[in-house]
C-alpha atoms as a PDB file:
ATOM      1  CA  UNK A   1     -42.746 -14.986  17.827  1.00  0.00           C
ATOM      2  CA  UNK A   2     -42.109 -12.391  15.111  1.00  0.00           C
ATOM      3  CA  UNK A   3     -44.988 -10.853  13.186  1.00  0.00           C
ATOM      4  CA  UNK A   4     -44.367  -8.757  10.103  1.00  0.00           C
ATOM      5  CA  UNK A   5     -46.008  -7.520   6.906  1.00  0.00           C
ATOM      6  CA  UNK A   6     -44.297  -8.330   3.618  1.00  0.00           C
ATOM      7  CA  UNK A   7     -44.188  -6.245   0.438  1.00  0.00           C
ATOM      8  CA  UNK A   8     -47.410  -7.924  -0.681  1.00  0.00           C
ATOM      9  CA  UNK A   9     -49.208  -6.469   2.319  1.00  0.00           C
ATOM     10  CA  UNK A  10     -49.849  -9.917   3.779  1.00  0.00           C
ATOM     11  CA  UNK A  11     -49.170 -10.396   7.496  1.00  0.00           C
ATOM     12  CA  UNK A  12     -46.797 -13.219   8.450  1.00  0.00           C
ATOM     13  CA  UNK A  13     -45.929 -14.784  11.781  1.00  0.00           C
ATOM     14  CA  UNK A  14     -42.794 -16.806  12.489  1.00  0.00           C
ATOM     15  CA  UNK A  15     -41.840 -18.672  15.633  1.00  0.00           C
ATOM     16  CA  UNK A  16     -38.380 -19.751  16.654  1.00  0.00           C
ATOM     17  CA  UNK A  17     -35.611 -19.605  19.234  1.00  0.00           C
ATOM     18  CA  UNK A  18     -32.798 -17.091  19.557  1.00  0.00           C
ATOM     19  CA  UNK A  19     -29.749 -18.540  21.262  1.00  0.00           C
ATOM     20  CA  UNK A  20     -27.482 -15.846  22.681  1.00  0.00           C
ATOM     21  CA  UNK A  21     -26.923 -13.183  25.295  1.00  0.00           C
ATOM     22  CA  UNK A  22     -29.088 -10.082  25.606  1.00  0.00           C
ATOM     23  CA  UNK A  23     -27.597  -6.927  27.052  1.00  0.00           C
ATOM     24  CA  UNK A  24     -29.208  -3.658  28.000  1.00  0.00           C
ATOM     25  CA  UNK A  25     -27.642  -0.407  26.805  1.00  0.00           C
ATOM     26  CA  UNK A  26     -27.880   3.231  27.744  1.00  0.00           C
ATOM     27  CA  UNK A  27     -27.588   6.082  25.247  1.00  0.00           C
ATOM     28  CA  UNK A  28     -25.030   8.617  26.470  1.00  0.00           C
ATOM     29  CA  UNK A  29     -24.510  11.980  24.764  1.00  0.00           C
ATOM     30  CA  UNK A  30     -20.823  12.709  24.179  1.00  0.00           C
ATOM     31  CA  UNK A  31     -18.949  15.853  23.173  1.00  0.00           C
ATOM     32  CA  UNK A  32     -15.317  15.951  22.068  1.00  0.00           C
ATOM     33  CA  UNK A  33     -13.237  19.042  21.294  1.00  0.00           C
ATOM     34  CA  UNK A  34     -10.114  19.000  19.148  1.00  0.00           C
ATOM     35  CA  UNK A  35      -7.745  21.986  19.070  1.00  0.00           C
ATOM     36  CA  UNK A  36      -4.024  22.073  18.315  1.00  0.00           C
ATOM     37  CA  UNK A  37      -1.822  21.493  21.366  1.00  0.00           C
ATOM     38  CA  UNK A  38       0.789  18.939  22.406  1.00  0.00           C
ATOM     39  CA  UNK A  39      -1.658  15.984  22.345  1.00  0.00           C
ATOM     40  CA  UNK A  40      -1.552  13.784  19.229  1.00  0.00           C
ATOM     41  CA  UNK A  41      -5.348  13.507  19.063  1.00  0.00           C
ATOM     42  CA  UNK A  42      -5.565  17.304  18.697  1.00  0.00           C
ATOM     43  CA  UNK A  43      -3.111  17.574  15.812  1.00  0.00           C
ATOM     44  CA  UNK A  44      -4.389  20.099  13.272  1.00  0.00           C
ATOM     45  CA  UNK A  45      -3.012  20.575   9.764  1.00  0.00           C
ATOM     46  CA  UNK A  46      -4.036  23.685   7.844  1.00  0.00           C
ATOM     47  CA  UNK A  47      -2.552  25.634   4.984  1.00  0.00           C
ATOM     48  CA  UNK A  48      -3.439  28.242   2.393  1.00  0.00           C
ATOM     49  CA  UNK A  49      -2.663  27.272  -1.193  1.00  0.00           C
ATOM     50  CA  UNK A  50      -2.293  30.203  -3.582  1.00  0.00           C
ATOM     51  CA  UNK A  51      -2.783  30.402  -7.355  1.00  0.00           C
ATOM     52  CA  UNK A  52      -0.765  33.638  -7.315  1.00  0.00           C
ATOM     53  CA  UNK A  53       2.243  31.798  -5.852  1.00  0.00           C
ATOM     54  CA  UNK A  54       1.601  28.230  -7.001  1.00  0.00           C
ATOM     55  CA  UNK A  55       4.846  26.735  -5.674  1.00  0.00           C
ATOM     56  CA  UNK A  56       4.915  28.478  -2.275  1.00  0.00           C
ATOM     57  CA  UNK A  57       4.012  26.634   0.916  1.00  0.00           C
ATOM     58  CA  UNK A  58       2.078  28.547   3.588  1.00  0.00           C
ATOM     59  CA  UNK A  59       1.825  25.775   6.167  1.00  0.00           C
ATOM     60  CA  UNK A  60       3.566  27.819   8.872  1.00  0.00           C
ATOM     61  CA  UNK A  61       1.333  30.881   8.432  1.00  0.00           C
ATOM     62  CA  UNK A  62      -1.007  31.883  11.255  1.00  0.00           C
ATOM     63  CA  UNK A  63      -3.779  33.004   8.858  1.00  0.00           C
ATOM     64  CA  UNK A  64      -5.833  31.357   6.113  1.00  0.00           C
ATOM     65  CA  UNK A  65      -7.276  33.232   3.149  1.00  0.00           C
ATOM     66  CA  UNK A  66     -10.141  31.853   1.055  1.00  0.00           C
ATOM     67  CA  UNK A  67     -10.546  34.154  -1.937  1.00  0.00           C
ATOM     68  CA  UNK A  68     -10.801  34.320  -5.718  1.00  0.00           C
ATOM     69  CA  UNK A  69      -8.767  37.483  -6.163  1.00  0.00           C
ATOM     70  CA  UNK A  70      -5.784  39.172  -4.489  1.00  0.00           C
ATOM     71  CA  UNK A  71      -4.739  36.425  -3.801  1.00  0.00           C
ATOM     72  CA  UNK A  72      -6.705  33.613  -5.367  1.00  0.00           C
ATOM     73  CA  UNK A  73      -6.401  31.121  -2.551  1.00  0.00           C
ATOM     74  CA  UNK A  74      -8.010  28.004  -1.124  1.00  0.00           C
ATOM     75  CA  UNK A  75      -7.598  26.444   2.315  1.00  0.00           C
ATOM     76  CA  UNK A  76      -6.940  22.811   3.256  1.00  0.00           C
ATOM     77  CA  UNK A  77      -7.707  21.702   6.820  1.00  0.00           C
ATOM     78  CA  UNK A  78      -7.319  18.331   8.516  1.00  0.00           C
ATOM     79  CA  UNK A  79      -7.711  16.816  11.992  1.00  0.00           C
ATOM     80  CA  UNK A  80      -5.939  13.521  11.179  1.00  0.00           C
ATOM     81  CA  UNK A  81      -6.213  11.625  14.483  1.00  0.00           C
ATOM     82  CA  UNK A  82      -9.810  12.123  15.612  1.00  0.00           C
ATOM     83  CA  UNK A  83     -11.153   8.666  14.662  1.00  0.00           C
ATOM     84  CA  UNK A  84     -10.144   5.609  16.687  1.00  0.00           C
ATOM     85  CA  UNK A  85     -10.668   3.558  19.805  1.00  0.00           C
ATOM     86  CA  UNK A  86      -8.317   5.399  22.148  1.00  0.00           C
ATOM     87  CA  UNK A  87      -9.341   7.825  24.867  1.00  0.00           C
ATOM     88  CA  UNK A  88     -10.465  11.145  23.406  1.00  0.00           C
ATOM     89  CA  UNK A  89     -11.122   9.778  19.906  1.00  0.00           C
ATOM     90  CA  UNK A  90     -14.435   9.316  18.085  1.00  0.00           C
ATOM     91  CA  UNK A  91     -15.164   5.568  17.845  1.00  0.00           C
ATOM     92  CA  UNK A  92     -15.491   4.162  14.306  1.00  0.00           C
ATOM     93  CA  UNK A  93     -19.021   3.640  12.960  1.00  0.00           C
ATOM     94  CA  UNK A  94     -20.475   6.251  15.308  1.00  0.00           C
ATOM     95  CA  UNK A  95     -23.592   8.216  14.418  1.00  0.00           C
ATOM     96  CA  UNK A  96     -22.550  11.878  14.484  1.00  0.00           C
ATOM     97  CA  UNK A  97     -25.216  14.224  15.851  1.00  0.00           C
ATOM     98  CA  UNK A  98     -23.332  17.396  14.905  1.00  0.00           C
ATOM     99  CA  UNK A  99     -19.817  18.587  14.157  1.00  0.00           C
ATOM    100  CA  UNK A 100     -18.741  22.202  13.800  1.00  0.00           C
ATOM    101  CA  UNK A 101     -15.439  23.917  13.113  1.00  0.00           C
ATOM    102  CA  UNK A 102     -15.213  27.036  15.274  1.00  0.00           C
ATOM    103  CA  UNK A 103     -12.798  29.632  13.899  1.00  0.00           C
ATOM    104  CA  UNK A 104     -11.861  33.215  14.698  1.00  0.00           C
ATOM    105  CA  UNK A 105     -12.738  35.017  11.465  1.00  0.00           C
ATOM    106  CA  UNK A 106     -11.048  38.435  11.342  1.00  0.00           C
ATOM    107  CA  UNK A 107     -12.085  39.439   7.818  1.00  0.00           C
ATOM    108  CA  UNK A 108     -15.536  38.711   6.384  1.00  0.00           C
ATOM    109  CA  UNK A 109     -16.489  38.088   2.778  1.00  0.00           C
ATOM    110  CA  UNK A 110     -18.450  36.010   0.313  1.00  0.00           C
ATOM    111  CA  UNK A 111     -19.715  32.473   0.746  1.00  0.00           C
ATOM    112  CA  UNK A 112     -17.217  29.611   0.685  1.00  0.00           C
ATOM    113  CA  UNK A 113     -17.782  26.078  -0.624  1.00  0.00           C
ATOM    114  CA  UNK A 114     -16.122  23.258   1.316  1.00  0.00           C
ATOM    115  CA  UNK A 115     -15.514  19.719   0.074  1.00  0.00           C
ATOM    116  CA  UNK A 116     -14.225  16.403   1.392  1.00  0.00           C
ATOM    117  CA  UNK A 117     -10.673  15.842   0.140  1.00  0.00           C
ATOM    118  CA  UNK A 118      -9.898  12.631  -1.757  1.00  0.00           C
ATOM    119  CA  UNK A 119      -6.099  13.006  -1.764  1.00  0.00           C
ATOM    120  CA  UNK A 120      -3.548  13.132   1.033  1.00  0.00           C
ATOM    121  CA  UNK A 121      -1.307  16.168   1.557  1.00  0.00           C
ATOM    122  CA  UNK A 122       1.455  17.457   3.807  1.00  0.00           C
ATOM    123  CA  UNK A 123       1.048  20.725   5.709  1.00  0.00           C
ATOM    124  CA  UNK A 124       4.691  21.777   5.384  1.00  0.00           C
ATOM    125  CA  UNK A 125       4.893  20.880   1.674  1.00  0.00           C
ATOM    126  CA  UNK A 126       1.532  21.517   0.037  1.00  0.00           C
ATOM    127  CA  UNK A 127       1.152  24.281  -2.559  1.00  0.00           C
ATOM    128  CA  UNK A 128      -1.361  25.178  -5.251  1.00  0.00           C
ATOM    129  CA  UNK A 129       0.359  22.755  -7.635  1.00  0.00           C
ATOM    130  CA  UNK A 130       1.540  20.008  -5.279  1.00  0.00           C
ATOM    131  CA  UNK A 131      -0.047  18.167  -2.343  1.00  0.00           C
ATOM    132  CA  UNK A 132       3.402  16.919  -1.227  1.00  0.00           C
ATOM    133  CA  UNK A 133       6.895  17.803  -2.391  1.00  0.00           C
ATOM    134  CA  UNK A 134       6.861  14.850  -4.796  1.00  0.00           C
ATOM    135  CA  UNK A 135       3.158  14.536  -5.753  1.00  0.00           C
ATOM    136  CA  UNK A 136       0.936  16.959  -7.657  1.00  0.00           C
ATOM    137  CA  UNK A 137      -2.706  17.507  -6.838  1.00  0.00           C
ATOM    138  CA  UNK A 138      -4.955  15.642  -9.267  1.00  0.00           C
ATOM    139  CA  UNK A 139      -6.534  19.061  -9.830  1.00  0.00           C
ATOM    140  CA  UNK A 140      -4.450  22.158  -9.125  1.00  0.00           C
ATOM    141  CA  UNK A 141      -5.657  23.973  -6.036  1.00  0.00           C
ATOM    142  CA  UNK A 142      -7.518  20.768  -5.057  1.00  0.00           C
ATOM    143  CA  UNK A 143     -10.330  22.210  -7.183  1.00  0.00           C
ATOM    144  CA  UNK A 144     -11.762  19.279  -9.119  1.00  0.00           C
ATOM    145  CA  UNK A 145     -13.299  15.873  -8.526  1.00  0.00           C
ATOM    146  CA  UNK A 146      -9.994  14.005  -8.702  1.00  0.00           C
ATOM    147  CA  UNK A 147      -8.863  15.895  -5.608  1.00  0.00           C
ATOM    148  CA  UNK A 148     -12.184  16.496  -3.842  1.00  0.00           C
ATOM    149  CA  UNK A 149     -15.710  15.169  -3.548  1.00  0.00           C
ATOM    150  CA  UNK A 150     -18.456  16.829  -5.604  1.00  0.00           C
ATOM    151  CA  UNK A 151     -20.785  17.605  -2.653  1.00  0.00           C
ATOM    152  CA  UNK A 152     -20.264  21.007  -1.072  1.00  0.00           C
ATOM    153  CA  UNK A 153     -21.073  22.441   2.352  1.00  0.00           C
ATOM    154  CA  UNK A 154     -21.492  26.214   2.623  1.00  0.00           C
ATOM    155  CA  UNK A 155     -19.221  28.121   4.998  1.00  0.00           C
ATOM    156  CA  UNK A 156     -20.084  31.751   5.720  1.00  0.00           C
ATOM    157  CA  UNK A 157     -17.973  34.391   7.436  1.00  0.00           C
ATOM    158  CA  UNK A 158     -19.902  37.638   7.272  1.00  0.00           C
ATOM    159  CA  UNK A 159     -19.624  40.878   9.226  1.00  0.00           C
ATOM    160  CA  UNK A 160     -19.453  41.402  12.128  1.00  0.00           C
ATOM    161  CA  UNK A 161     -16.359  39.250  12.331  1.00  0.00           C
ATOM    162  CA  UNK A 162     -15.365  37.104  15.291  1.00  0.00           C
ATOM    163  CA  UNK A 163     -15.938  33.464  16.142  1.00  0.00           C
ATOM    164  CA  UNK A 164     -17.915  31.604  13.472  1.00  0.00           C
ATOM    165  CA  UNK A 165     -19.219  28.030  13.297  1.00  0.00           C
ATOM    166  CA  UNK A 166     -18.698  26.054  10.091  1.00  0.00           C
ATOM    167  CA  UNK A 167     -20.647  22.827   9.496  1.00  0.00           C
ATOM    168  CA  UNK A 168     -18.496  19.666   9.465  1.00  0.00           C
ATOM    169  CA  UNK A 169     -21.163  17.052  10.266  1.00  0.00           C
ATOM    170  CA  UNK A 170     -21.238  15.214   6.934  1.00  0.00           C
ATOM    171  CA  UNK A 171     -17.433  15.170   6.717  1.00  0.00           C
ATOM    172  CA  UNK A 172     -16.923  13.666  10.171  1.00  0.00           C
ATOM    173  CA  UNK A 173     -19.699  11.151   9.494  1.00  0.00           C
ATOM    174  CA  UNK A 174     -17.884  10.029   6.352  1.00  0.00           C
ATOM    175  CA  UNK A 175     -14.662   9.529   8.299  1.00  0.00           C
ATOM    176  CA  UNK A 176     -16.333   7.548  11.091  1.00  0.00           C
ATOM    177  CA  UNK A 177     -17.946   5.393   8.387  1.00  0.00           C
ATOM    178  CA  UNK A 178     -14.491   4.481   7.106  1.00  0.00           C
ATOM    179  CA  UNK A 179     -13.645   7.063   4.423  1.00  0.00           C
ATOM    180  CA  UNK A 180      -9.964   8.129   4.479  1.00  0.00           C
ATOM    181  CA  UNK A 181      -9.552  11.295   6.538  1.00  0.00           C
ATOM    182  CA  UNK A 182      -7.638  13.662   4.279  1.00  0.00           C
ATOM    183  CA  UNK A 183      -9.512  16.678   5.622  1.00  0.00           C
ATOM    184  CA  UNK A 184     -11.390  19.280   3.599  1.00  0.00           C
ATOM    185  CA  UNK A 185     -10.712  22.037   1.090  1.00  0.00           C
ATOM    186  CA  UNK A 186     -12.507  25.391   1.267  1.00  0.00           C
ATOM    187  CA  UNK A 187     -12.967  27.343  -1.968  1.00  0.00           C
ATOM    188  CA  UNK A 188     -14.373  30.856  -2.250  1.00  0.00           C
ATOM    189  CA  UNK A 189     -17.175  31.700  -4.665  1.00  0.00           C
ATOM    190  CA  UNK A 190     -16.386  35.349  -5.387  1.00  0.00           C
ATOM    191  CA  UNK A 191     -13.665  37.997  -5.358  1.00  0.00           C
ATOM    192  CA  UNK A 192     -14.239  39.181  -1.785  1.00  0.00           C
ATOM    193  CA  UNK A 193     -13.133  36.293   0.384  1.00  0.00           C
ATOM    194  CA  UNK A 194     -12.674  35.774   4.101  1.00  0.00           C
ATOM    195  CA  UNK A 195      -9.812  35.091   6.495  1.00  0.00           C
ATOM    196  CA  UNK A 196      -9.388  33.298   9.817  1.00  0.00           C
ATOM    197  CA  UNK A 197      -6.581  32.243  12.135  1.00  0.00           C
ATOM    198  CA  UNK A 198      -4.846  28.858  11.858  1.00  0.00           C
ATOM    199  CA  UNK A 199      -3.562  26.242  14.282  1.00  0.00           C
ATOM    200  CA  UNK A 200      -0.183  28.017  14.236  1.00  0.00           C
ATOM    201  CA  UNK A 201      -1.541  31.105  16.016  1.00  0.00           C
ATOM    202  CA  UNK A 202       0.339  31.813  19.240  1.00  0.00           C
ATOM    203  CA  UNK A 203      -2.912  32.499  21.109  1.00  0.00           C
ATOM    204  CA  UNK A 204      -4.562  29.123  21.616  1.00  0.00           C
ATOM    205  CA  UNK A 205      -8.097  30.573  21.722  1.00  0.00           C
ATOM    206  CA  UNK A 206      -7.633  31.750  18.122  1.00  0.00           C
ATOM    207  CA  UNK A 207      -6.855  28.277  16.769  1.00  0.00           C
ATOM    208  CA  UNK A 208      -9.596  26.342  14.935  1.00  0.00           C
ATOM    209  CA  UNK A 209     -11.588  24.028  17.204  1.00  0.00           C
ATOM    210  CA  UNK A 210     -13.514  20.987  15.987  1.00  0.00           C
ATOM    211  CA  UNK A 211     -16.507  20.273  18.262  1.00  0.00           C
ATOM    212  CA  UNK A 212     -18.172  16.875  17.739  1.00  0.00           C
ATOM    213  CA  UNK A 213     -21.394  15.687  19.378  1.00  0.00           C
ATOM    214  CA  UNK A 214     -22.369  12.024  19.133  1.00  0.00           C
ATOM    215  CA  UNK A 215     -24.332   9.356  20.983  1.00  0.00           C
ATOM    216  CA  UNK A 216     -22.571   6.379  22.536  1.00  0.00           C
ATOM    217  CA  UNK A 217     -24.429   3.258  23.692  1.00  0.00           C
ATOM    218  CA  UNK A 218     -23.039   1.752  26.878  1.00  0.00           C
END
């Protein structure tokens, strides 16, 4: 027997039969960490793209600069294999409790704005002008709504420098909901930007780490 109140405010009661199996479930808190190493699930793509050198690829660099002057540069970052049904992946259609990108920021500066990317790119080919060797960004520097979403998340790397946590919750939620995972682009808001180490750094502890907390029902 199901009792409910409709939009009119009138109470209704319906009686019927449900034919099926009923299972109990337990909510289990899960945490997954993704950081560049030999495992496919931990693959990390990151690159600086520079207005000052618009046809130069920086995918092999061990630092990222997000700045509006000297150089004017944005950063693109992607963890391409984190969503899926294999061991160590985030299951599709999962409610994300929190997701942070932990980076080692060695130079502080002004606020950055970070957006969900809408176009694919290649780490070893992307530049300010091009997302791959044969395809231009819809907006140079991935700075426009053809290349990125319009909703921004603030990233802050202020002094003292060191390990900082950047919010990634809404981005990871979008990917688990089925949006294509092209990563994010970080754009600085002023002339004094900030810098942090990339997935190419020889010291593993300095590489960006994506930490995702979610609830799984078993």
